[in-house]
C-alpha atoms as a PDB file:
ATOM      1  CA  MET A   1     127.625 186.121-106.144  1.00  0.00           C
ATOM      2  CA  GLU A   2     125.515 187.639-103.329  1.00  0.00           C
ATOM      3  CA  TYR A   3     127.177 189.548-100.437  1.00  0.00           C
ATOM      4  CA  ASP A   4     125.892 189.653 -96.879  1.00  0.00           C
ATOM      5  CA  TYR A   5     126.210 193.262 -95.665  1.00  0.00           C
ATOM      6  CA  ASN A   6     125.676 194.430 -92.070  1.00  0.00           C
ATOM      7  CA  THR A   7     123.303 197.095 -93.475  1.00  0.00           C
ATOM      8  CA  GLN A   8     121.025 194.464 -94.898  1.00  0.00           C
ATOM      9  CA  ARG A   9     120.884 192.398 -91.665  1.00  0.00           C
ATOM     10  CA  SER A  10     118.525 192.777 -88.899  1.00  0.00           C
ATOM     11  CA  LYS A  11     119.345 195.349 -86.188  1.00  0.00           C
ATOM     12  CA  MET A  12     121.396 193.934 -83.264  1.00  0.00           C
ATOM     13  CA  VAL A  13     119.462 194.142 -80.075  1.00  0.00           C
ATOM     14  CA  LEU A  14     122.456 193.765 -77.596  1.00  0.00           C
ATOM     15  CA  PRO A  15     125.551 194.377 -79.715  1.00  0.00           C
ATOM     16  CA  GLU A  16     127.922 193.365 -76.999  1.00  0.00           C
ATOM     17  CA  TYR A  17     127.010 189.680 -77.577  1.00  0.00           C
ATOM     18  CA  GLY A  18     127.608 189.848 -81.226  1.00  0.00           C
ATOM     19  CA  ARG A  19     125.775 188.787 -84.461  1.00  0.00           C
ATOM     20  CA  ASN A  20     126.364 184.994 -83.972  1.00  0.00           C
ATOM     21  CA  ILE A  21     124.576 185.038 -80.503  1.00  0.00           C
ATOM     22  CA  GLN A  22     121.663 186.866 -82.120  1.00  0.00           C
ATOM     23  CA  LYS A  23     121.512 184.269 -84.888  1.00  0.00           C
ATOM     24  CA  MET A  24     121.495 181.444 -82.316  1.00  0.00           C
ATOM     25  CA  VAL A  25     118.709 182.995 -80.370  1.00  0.00           C
ATOM     26  CA  GLU A  26     116.652 183.566 -83.624  1.00  0.00           C
ATOM     27  CA  TYR A  27     117.239 179.882 -84.450  1.00  0.00           C
ATOM     28  CA  ALA A  28     116.250 178.784 -80.913  1.00  0.00           C
ATOM     29  CA  THR A  29     112.840 180.655 -81.148  1.00  0.00           C
ATOM     30  CA  GLN A  30     112.080 178.546 -84.258  1.00  0.00           C
ATOM     31  CA  ILE A  31     112.711 175.217 -82.589  1.00  0.00           C
ATOM     32  CA  VAL A  32     109.412 173.404 -82.227  1.00  0.00           C
ATOM     33  CA  ASP A  33     110.296 170.818 -79.466  1.00  0.00           C
ATOM     34  CA  ARG A  34     110.195 172.508 -76.090  1.00  0.00           C
ATOM     35  CA  GLU A  35     112.899 170.245 -74.584  1.00  0.00           C
ATOM     36  CA  GLU A  36     115.304 170.840 -77.509  1.00  0.00           C
ATOM     37  CA  ARG A  37     114.547 174.730 -77.277  1.00  0.00           C
ATOM     38  CA  ASN A  38     115.353 174.611 -73.440  1.00  0.00           C
ATOM     39  CA  ARG A  39     118.637 172.752 -74.193  1.00  0.00           C
ATOM     40  CA  ALA A  40     119.501 175.301 -76.931  1.00  0.00           C
ATOM     41  CA  ALA A  41     118.734 178.227 -74.537  1.00  0.00           C
ATOM     42  CA  ARG A  42     121.042 176.737 -71.877  1.00  0.00           C
ATOM     43  CA  ALA A  43     123.803 176.277 -74.334  1.00  0.00           C
ATOM     44  CA  ILE A  44     123.382 179.918 -75.544  1.00  0.00           C
ATOM     45  CA  ILE A  45     123.530 181.127 -71.904  1.00  0.00           C
ATOM     46  CA  ALA A  46     126.834 179.224 -71.432  1.00  0.00           C
ATOM     47  CA  ILE A  47     128.341 180.891 -74.568  1.00  0.00           C
ATOM     48  CA  MET A  48     127.004 184.270 -73.470  1.00  0.00           C
ATOM     49  CA  GLY A  49     128.768 183.745 -70.128  1.00  0.00           C
ATOM     50  CA  ASN A  50     131.962 182.917 -71.806  1.00  0.00           C
ATOM     51  CA  LEU A  51     131.873 185.948 -73.970  1.00  0.00           C
ATOM     52  CA  ASN A  52     131.426 188.200 -70.931  1.00  0.00           C
ATOM     53  CA  PRO A  53     133.655 186.717 -68.074  1.00  0.00           C
ATOM     54  CA  HIS A  54     133.976 190.215 -66.393  1.00  0.00           C
ATOM     55  CA  LEU A  55     130.282 189.949 -65.582  1.00  0.00           C
ATOM     56  CA  ARG A  56     130.865 186.946 -63.329  1.00  0.00           C
ATOM     57  CA  ASP A  57     131.710 189.305 -60.527  1.00  0.00           C
ATOM     58  CA  VAL A  58     128.198 190.658 -60.592  1.00  0.00           C
ATOM     59  CA  SER A  59     125.990 189.039 -57.864  1.00  0.00           C
ATOM     60  CA  ASP A  60     123.057 188.255 -60.199  1.00  0.00           C
ATOM     61  CA  PHE A  61     125.254 187.181 -63.184  1.00  0.00           C
ATOM     62  CA  LYS A  62     123.101 184.286 -64.361  1.00  0.00           C
ATOM     63  CA  HIS A  63     119.894 186.131 -63.896  1.00  0.00           C
ATOM     64  CA  LYS A  64     121.292 189.050 -66.063  1.00  0.00           C
ATOM     65  CA  LEU A  65     122.227 186.480 -68.823  1.00  0.00           C
ATOM     66  CA  TRP A  66     118.711 185.005 -68.854  1.00  0.00           C
ATOM     67  CA  ASP A  67     117.190 188.516 -69.028  1.00  0.00           C
ATOM     68  CA  HIS A  68     119.528 189.428 -71.989  1.00  0.00           C
ATOM     69  CA  LEU A  69     118.514 186.152 -73.790  1.00  0.00           C
ATOM     70  CA  PHE A  70     114.794 187.115 -73.531  1.00  0.00           C
ATOM     71  CA  ILE A  71     115.636 190.744 -74.643  1.00  0.00           C
ATOM     72  CA  ILE A  72     117.663 189.507 -77.686  1.00  0.00           C
ATOM     73  CA  SER A  73     114.751 187.213 -78.627  1.00  0.00           C
ATOM     74  CA  ASP A  74     112.386 190.228 -78.438  1.00  0.00           C
ATOM     75  CA  PHE A  75     110.623 188.320 -75.655  1.00  0.00           C
ATOM     76  CA  LYS A  76     109.457 185.657 -78.167  1.00  0.00           C
ATOM     77  CA  LEU A  77     111.531 182.797 -76.743  1.00  0.00           C
ATOM     78  CA  ASP A  78     109.195 180.358 -74.942  1.00  0.00           C
ATOM     79  CA  ILE A  79     111.401 178.333 -72.560  1.00  0.00           C
ATOM     80  CA  ASP A  80     111.573 177.226 -68.913  1.00  0.00           C
ATOM     81  CA  SER A  81     113.745 179.811 -67.321  1.00  0.00           C
ATOM     82  CA  PRO A  82     115.101 179.520 -63.699  1.00  0.00           C
ATOM     83  CA  TYR A  83     114.084 183.115 -63.292  1.00  0.00           C
ATOM     84  CA  GLU A  84     110.931 185.157 -63.941  1.00  0.00           C
ATOM     85  CA  LYS A  85     110.655 186.148 -67.477  1.00  0.00           C
ATOM     86  CA  PRO A  86     111.055 189.974 -67.956  1.00  0.00           C
ATOM     87  CA  THR A  87     108.370 191.808 -69.780  1.00  0.00           C
ATOM     88  CA  PRO A  88     108.888 194.566 -72.451  1.00  0.00           C
ATOM     89  CA  GLU A  89     106.961 197.024 -70.276  1.00  0.00           C
ATOM     90  CA  ILE A  90     109.647 196.696 -67.407  1.00  0.00           C
ATOM     91  CA  LEU A  91     112.423 197.157 -69.954  1.00  0.00           C
ATOM     92  CA  TYR A  92     111.042 200.351 -71.539  1.00  0.00           C
ATOM     93  CA  GLU A  93     109.480 202.025 -68.387  1.00  0.00           C
ATOM     94  CA  LYS A  94     110.964 205.361 -67.518  1.00  0.00           C
ATOM     95  CA  PRO A  95     112.985 205.506 -64.206  1.00  0.00           C
ATOM     96  CA  LYS A  96     111.412 207.289 -61.361  1.00  0.00           C
ATOM     97  CA  PRO A  97     112.820 210.720 -60.806  1.00  0.00           C
ATOM     98  CA  VAL A  98     115.523 211.066 -58.144  1.00  0.00           C
ATOM     99  CA  PRO A  99     114.466 213.124 -55.273  1.00  0.00           C
ATOM    100  CA  TYR A 100     117.140 215.795 -54.714  1.00  0.00           C
ATOM    101  CA  LYS A 101     117.213 217.786 -51.607  1.00  0.00           C
ATOM    102  CA  ASP A 102     117.043 221.438 -52.232  1.00  0.00           C
ATOM    103  CA  TYR A 103     119.995 222.744 -50.300  1.00  0.00           C
ATOM    104  CA  ASN A 104     120.410 226.418 -49.893  1.00  0.00           C
ATOM    105  CA  ILE A 105     124.198 226.750 -49.751  1.00  0.00           C
ATOM    106  CA  ARG A 106     125.326 230.111 -48.614  1.00  0.00           C
ATOM    107  CA  TYR A 107     128.921 229.828 -49.811  1.00  0.00           C
ATOM    108  CA  LYS A 108     129.048 227.582 -52.933  1.00  0.00           C
ATOM    109  CA  HIS A 109     132.869 227.380 -52.789  1.00  0.00           C
ATOM    110  CA  TYR A 110     132.814 225.658 -49.330  1.00  0.00           C
ATOM    111  CA  GLY A 111     129.858 223.281 -50.166  1.00  0.00           C
ATOM    112  CA  LYS A 112     127.154 221.697 -47.995  1.00  0.00           C
ATOM    113  CA  ILE A 113     129.596 219.263 -46.111  1.00  0.00           C
ATOM    114  CA  ILE A 114     131.477 222.208 -44.706  1.00  0.00           C
ATOM    115  CA  GLU A 115     128.257 223.790 -43.488  1.00  0.00           C
ATOM    116  CA  LEU A 116     127.176 220.475 -41.865  1.00  0.00           C
ATOM    117  CA  LEU A 117     130.715 220.104 -40.209  1.00  0.00           C
ATOM    118  CA  ILE A 118     130.510 223.645 -38.757  1.00  0.00           C
ATOM    119  CA  LYS A 119     127.044 222.901 -37.385  1.00  0.00           C
ATOM    120  CA  GLU A 120     128.473 219.850 -35.653  1.00  0.00           C
ATOM    121  CA  ALA A 121     131.518 221.696 -34.340  1.00  0.00           C
ATOM    122  CA  SER A 122     129.402 224.561 -32.968  1.00  0.00           C
ATOM    123  CA  GLU A 123     127.554 221.938 -30.809  1.00  0.00           C
ATOM    124  CA  PHE A 124     130.745 220.509 -29.263  1.00  0.00           C
ATOM    125  CA  GLU A 125     131.605 221.399 -25.747  1.00  0.00           C
ATOM    126  CA  GLU A 126     134.570 223.841 -25.210  1.00  0.00           C
ATOM    127  CA  GLY A 127     137.868 222.040 -25.178  1.00  0.00           C
ATOM    128  CA  GLU A 128     140.797 220.603 -27.165  1.00  0.00           C
ATOM    129  CA  GLU A 129     138.571 218.364 -29.316  1.00  0.00           C
ATOM    130  CA  ARG A 130     136.406 221.230 -30.404  1.00  0.00           C
ATOM    131  CA  ASP A 131     139.510 223.452 -31.014  1.00  0.00           C
ATOM    132  CA  ALA A 132     141.118 220.693 -33.127  1.00  0.00           C
ATOM    133  CA  LEU A 133     138.011 220.237 -35.257  1.00  0.00           C
ATOM    134  CA  ILE A 134     137.547 223.974 -35.787  1.00  0.00           C
ATOM    135  CA  ARG A 135     141.251 224.205 -36.908  1.00  0.00           C
ATOM    136  CA  LEU A 136     140.735 221.331 -39.358  1.00  0.00           C
ATOM    137  CA  ILE A 137     137.542 222.973 -40.697  1.00  0.00           C
ATOM    138  CA  ALA A 138     139.098 226.363 -41.041  1.00  0.00           C
ATOM    139  CA  ASN A 139     142.026 224.969 -42.951  1.00  0.00           C
ATOM    140  CA  HIS A 140     139.726 222.995 -45.304  1.00  0.00           C
ATOM    141  CA  MET A 141     137.672 226.149 -45.902  1.00  0.00           C
ATOM    142  CA  LYS A 142     140.833 228.047 -46.893  1.00  0.00           C
ATOM    143  CA  LYS A 143     141.763 225.210 -49.135  1.00  0.00           C
ATOM    144  CA  CYS A 144     138.296 225.195 -50.736  1.00  0.00           C
ATOM    145  CA  TYR A 145     138.349 229.020 -51.079  1.00  0.00           C
ATOM    146  CA  VAL A 146     141.803 228.966 -52.789  1.00  0.00           C
ATOM    147  CA  ASN A 147     140.972 226.176 -55.068  1.00  0.00           C
ATOM    148  CA  TRP A 148     137.674 227.765 -56.158  1.00  0.00           C
ATOM    149  CA  ASN A 149     138.892 231.366 -56.547  1.00  0.00           C
ATOM    150  CA  ARG A 150     142.508 230.689 -57.351  1.00  0.00           C
ATOM    151  CA  GLU A 151     143.597 233.711 -55.313  1.00  0.00           C
ATOM    152  CA  VAL A 152     145.155 234.557 -52.055  1.00  0.00           C
ATOM    153  CA  VAL A 153     142.785 234.739 -49.110  1.00  0.00           C
ATOM    154  CA  ASP A 154     143.320 236.380 -45.744  1.00  0.00           C
ATOM    155  CA  ASP A 155     142.766 234.188 -42.741  1.00  0.00           C
ATOM    156  CA  LYS A 156     140.420 236.883 -41.331  1.00  0.00           C
ATOM    157  CA  THR A 157     138.111 236.272 -44.312  1.00  0.00           C
ATOM    158  CA  ILE A 158     137.935 232.562 -43.403  1.00  0.00           C
ATOM    159  CA  PHE A 159     137.353 233.313 -39.846  1.00  0.00           C
ATOM    160  CA  GLU A 160     134.507 235.792 -40.656  1.00  0.00           C
ATOM    161  CA  ASP A 161     132.885 233.142 -42.963  1.00  0.00           C
ATOM    162  CA  LEU A 162     133.215 230.484 -40.210  1.00  0.00           C
ATOM    163  CA  LYS A 163     131.492 232.919 -37.793  1.00  0.00           C
ATOM    164  CA  ASN A 164     128.702 233.620 -40.210  1.00  0.00           C
ATOM    165  CA  LEU A 165     128.145 229.980 -41.073  1.00  0.00           C
ATOM    166  CA  SER A 166     128.104 228.923 -37.394  1.00  0.00           C
ATOM    167  CA  GLY A 167     125.566 231.644 -36.624  1.00  0.00           C
ATOM    168  CA  GLY A 168     128.032 233.365 -34.370  1.00  0.00           C
ATOM    169  CA  LYS A 169     128.742 230.258 -32.314  1.00  0.00           C
ATOM    170  CA  ILE A 170     132.331 229.837 -33.507  1.00  0.00           C
ATOM    171  CA  ILE A 171     134.590 232.905 -33.121  1.00  0.00           C
ATOM    172  CA  VAL A 172     138.230 232.372 -33.910  1.00  0.00           C
ATOM    173  CA  GLY A 173     140.962 234.864 -32.948  1.00  0.00           C
ATOM    174  CA  ASP A 174     144.288 235.711 -34.643  1.00  0.00           C
ATOM    175  CA  GLU A 175     146.082 233.099 -32.492  1.00  0.00           C
ATOM    176  CA  LEU A 176     144.945 230.319 -34.994  1.00  0.00           C
ATOM    177  CA  LYS A 177     147.361 230.014 -37.842  1.00  0.00           C
ATOM    178  CA  LEU A 178     146.066 228.473 -41.023  1.00  0.00           C
ATOM    179  CA  SER A 179     148.039 226.839 -43.844  1.00  0.00           C
ATOM    180  CA  ASP A 180     149.811 229.227 -46.158  1.00  0.00           C
ATOM    181  CA  THR A 181     148.079 229.975 -49.334  1.00  0.00           C
ATOM    182  CA  ARG A 182     151.319 229.318 -51.425  1.00  0.00           C
ATOM    183  CA  ASP A 183     151.453 225.789 -49.880  1.00  0.00           C
ATOM    184  CA  ILE A 184     147.814 225.053 -50.834  1.00  0.00           C
ATOM    185  CA  LEU A 185     148.351 226.243 -54.435  1.00  0.00           C
ATOM    186  CA  SER A 186     151.646 224.377 -54.812  1.00  0.00           C
ATOM    187  CA  LYS A 187     149.911 221.139 -53.579  1.00  0.00           C
ATOM    188  CA  SER A 188     147.070 221.533 -55.911  1.00  0.00           C
ATOM    189  CA  LYS A 189     149.465 222.096 -58.880  1.00  0.00           C
ATOM    190  CA  LYS A 190     151.342 218.849 -58.024  1.00  0.00           C
ATOM    191  CA  LYS A 191     148.020 216.895 -58.112  1.00  0.00           C
ATOM    192  CA  ARG A 192     147.045 218.064 -61.534  1.00  0.00           C
ATOM    193  CA  PRO A 193     148.360 215.787 -64.358  1.00  0.00           C
ATOM    194  CA  GLN A 194     151.176 217.357 -66.445  1.00  0.00           C
ATOM    195  CA  LYS A 195     150.440 217.914 -70.009  1.00  0.00           C
ATOM    196  CA  LYS A 196     152.710 215.749 -72.268  1.00  0.00           C
ATOM    197  CA  LYS A 197     154.918 217.850 -74.676  1.00  0.00           C
END
């Protein structure tokens, strides 16, 4: 009696569809009559769709299935597809490098967004709106500082950093009161998931 082991079988191209789909595709590539081969391909597409119902939310669901069919057949399946047949070159080409902007962040614990917010706030006209924005930014800076360094920070340090980051355009006096460090630390502790005992 002979056994059929997975190690003896051909490598699965797209394992998420399973061995049976791969066998069906291999069989379809051997069908001589083109019309019958097209019917077999449409039947395989329907089964592939039923196996992956979560993909139906994807906008190009059918297109993806047809591409997968060609990939499973190692691009050997000669059928009339409603979509352009993909090529092996497209499948194996390296992605283009992502262009990252080289930001020079002066204070890493505040991040680039804070620097951009400070720049915007420094261009606001004097008034309540500017004061409210500066208060929000300063409080967020304190939160970032405490979360990054895990230590108490004096409000004057935040105000000095705010002045430096704004190029001297934002100067805050002692009349501005920021959130208490203990409140920030206790809120961040509550957000962390508790370890199960």
